C-alpha atoms as a PDB file:
ATOM      1  CA  MET A   1      10.602 -43.532  12.657  1.00  0.00           C
ATOM      2  CA  SER A   2       8.658 -45.674  10.294  1.00  0.00           C
ATOM      3  CA  THR A   3       9.294 -45.766   6.583  1.00  0.00           C
ATOM      4  CA  THR A   4       5.877 -44.370   5.687  1.00  0.00           C
ATOM      5  CA  THR A   5       6.386 -41.365   7.936  1.00  0.00           C
ATOM      6  CA  GLU A   6       9.799 -40.660   6.413  1.00  0.00           C
ATOM      7  CA  THR A   7       8.436 -41.033   2.904  1.00  0.00           C
ATOM      8  CA  THR A   8       5.510 -38.723   3.672  1.00  0.00           C
ATOM      9  CA  LEU A   9       7.830 -36.096   5.123  1.00  0.00           C
ATOM     10  CA  GLN A  10      10.167 -36.350   2.133  1.00  0.00           C
ATOM     11  CA  ILE A  11       7.245 -35.818  -0.241  1.00  0.00           C
ATOM     12  CA  ILE A  12       6.009 -32.812   1.747  1.00  0.00           C
ATOM     13  CA  LEU A  13       9.485 -31.245   1.880  1.00  0.00           C
ATOM     14  CA  SER A  14      10.056 -31.896  -1.824  1.00  0.00           C
ATOM     15  CA  LEU A  15       6.744 -30.282  -2.750  1.00  0.00           C
ATOM     16  CA  THR A  16       7.544 -27.308  -0.536  1.00  0.00           C
ATOM     17  CA  ALA A  17      10.959 -26.896  -2.171  1.00  0.00           C
ATOM     18  CA  LEU A  18       9.454 -27.118  -5.658  1.00  0.00           C
ATOM     19  CA  THR A  19       6.773 -24.566  -4.768  1.00  0.00           C
ATOM     20  CA  LEU A  20       9.358 -22.130  -3.407  1.00  0.00           C
ATOM     21  CA  LEU A  21      11.537 -22.594  -6.485  1.00  0.00           C
ATOM     22  CA  TYR A  22       8.550 -21.965  -8.765  1.00  0.00           C
ATOM     23  CA  MET A  23       7.625 -18.798  -6.860  1.00  0.00           C
ATOM     24  CA  LEU A  24      11.222 -17.564  -6.997  1.00  0.00           C
ATOM     25  CA  LEU A  25      11.514 -18.128 -10.737  1.00  0.00           C
ATOM     26  CA  ARG A  26       8.105 -16.589 -11.369  1.00  0.00           C
ATOM     27  CA  SER A  27       9.008 -13.453  -9.392  1.00  0.00           C
ATOM     28  CA  ARG A  28      12.247 -13.037 -11.366  1.00  0.00           C
ATOM     29  CA  THR A  29      10.459 -13.171 -14.714  1.00  0.00           C
ATOM     30  CA  LYS A  30       7.615 -10.875 -13.665  1.00  0.00           C
ATOM     31  CA  ASP A  31       7.750  -7.227 -14.731  1.00  0.00           C
ATOM     32  CA  PRO A  32       9.270  -5.240 -11.823  1.00  0.00           C
ATOM     33  CA  GLN A  33       7.335  -2.097 -12.774  1.00  0.00           C
ATOM     34  CA  GLU A  34       4.094  -3.948 -12.089  1.00  0.00           C
ATOM     35  CA  ASP A  35       4.609  -3.952  -8.301  1.00  0.00           C
ATOM     36  CA  GLU A  36       6.024  -0.429  -8.020  1.00  0.00           C
ATOM     37  CA  GLU A  37       2.917   1.344  -9.283  1.00  0.00           C
ATOM     38  CA  ASP A  38       1.186   1.180  -5.895  1.00  0.00           C
ATOM     39  CA  TYR A  39       4.227   2.294  -3.895  1.00  0.00           C
ATOM     40  CA  SER A  40       5.271   5.929  -4.130  1.00  0.00           C
ATOM     41  CA  GLY A  41       7.764   5.964  -1.251  1.00  0.00           C
ATOM     42  CA  SER A  42       6.361   9.109   0.328  1.00  0.00           C
ATOM     43  CA  ALA A  43       4.725   9.372   3.731  1.00  0.00           C
ATOM     44  CA  ARG A  44       0.964   9.741   3.890  1.00  0.00           C
ATOM     45  CA  ASP A  45       1.212  12.636   6.328  1.00  0.00           C
ATOM     46  CA  PRO A  46       4.798  13.941   6.431  1.00  0.00           C
ATOM     47  CA  GLU A  47       3.953  16.771   8.836  1.00  0.00           C
ATOM     48  CA  SER A  48       2.923  14.320  11.540  1.00  0.00           C
ATOM     49  CA  LEU A  49       6.403  12.767  11.489  1.00  0.00           C
ATOM     50  CA  SER A  50       7.960  15.942  12.890  1.00  0.00           C
ATOM     51  CA  ASP A  51       5.531  16.174  15.838  1.00  0.00           C
ATOM     52  CA  PRO A  52       6.376  13.696  18.636  1.00  0.00           C
ATOM     53  CA  THR A  53       3.457  11.974  20.303  1.00  0.00           C
ATOM     54  CA  PRO A  54       3.192  11.745  24.108  1.00  0.00           C
ATOM     55  CA  GLU A  55       3.839   8.017  23.852  1.00  0.00           C
ATOM     56  CA  ALA A  56       7.032   8.636  21.890  1.00  0.00           C
ATOM     57  CA  LEU A  57       8.236  11.191  24.418  1.00  0.00           C
ATOM     58  CA  SER A  58       7.577   8.879  27.360  1.00  0.00           C
ATOM     59  CA  GLU A  59       9.370   6.059  25.565  1.00  0.00           C
ATOM     60  CA  LEU A  60      12.324   8.367  24.899  1.00  0.00           C
ATOM     61  CA  ASP A  61      12.424   9.349  28.589  1.00  0.00           C
ATOM     62  CA  ARG A  62      12.338   5.685  29.578  1.00  0.00           C
ATOM     63  CA  LEU A  63      15.206   4.833  27.210  1.00  0.00           C
ATOM     64  CA  ILE A  64      17.308   7.778  28.380  1.00  0.00           C
ATOM     65  CA  GLN A  65      16.723   6.794  32.002  1.00  0.00           C
ATOM     66  CA  LYS A  66      17.605   3.176  31.249  1.00  0.00           C
ATOM     67  CA  ARG A  67      20.782   4.246  29.464  1.00  0.00           C
ATOM     68  CA  SER A  68      21.845   6.596  32.273  1.00  0.00           C
ATOM     69  CA  ASP A  69      21.353   3.866  34.910  1.00  0.00           C
ATOM     70  CA  ARG A  70      24.178   1.815  33.426  1.00  0.00           C
END
């Protein structure tokens, strides 16, 4: 590998490491409440979670059959 290629790769990797370090430090100093305002933690439609879809039932049948074949 030539010296210019190695030097170029070292510069790229160093810049990447510095960028990641900057992003990490910036995220630690940022107000954590700022990101949590948009996220409530509740489902959009909780009733739909209790009703299985036909795709889910067929997938469950397939997994049960696969498990029982062992």
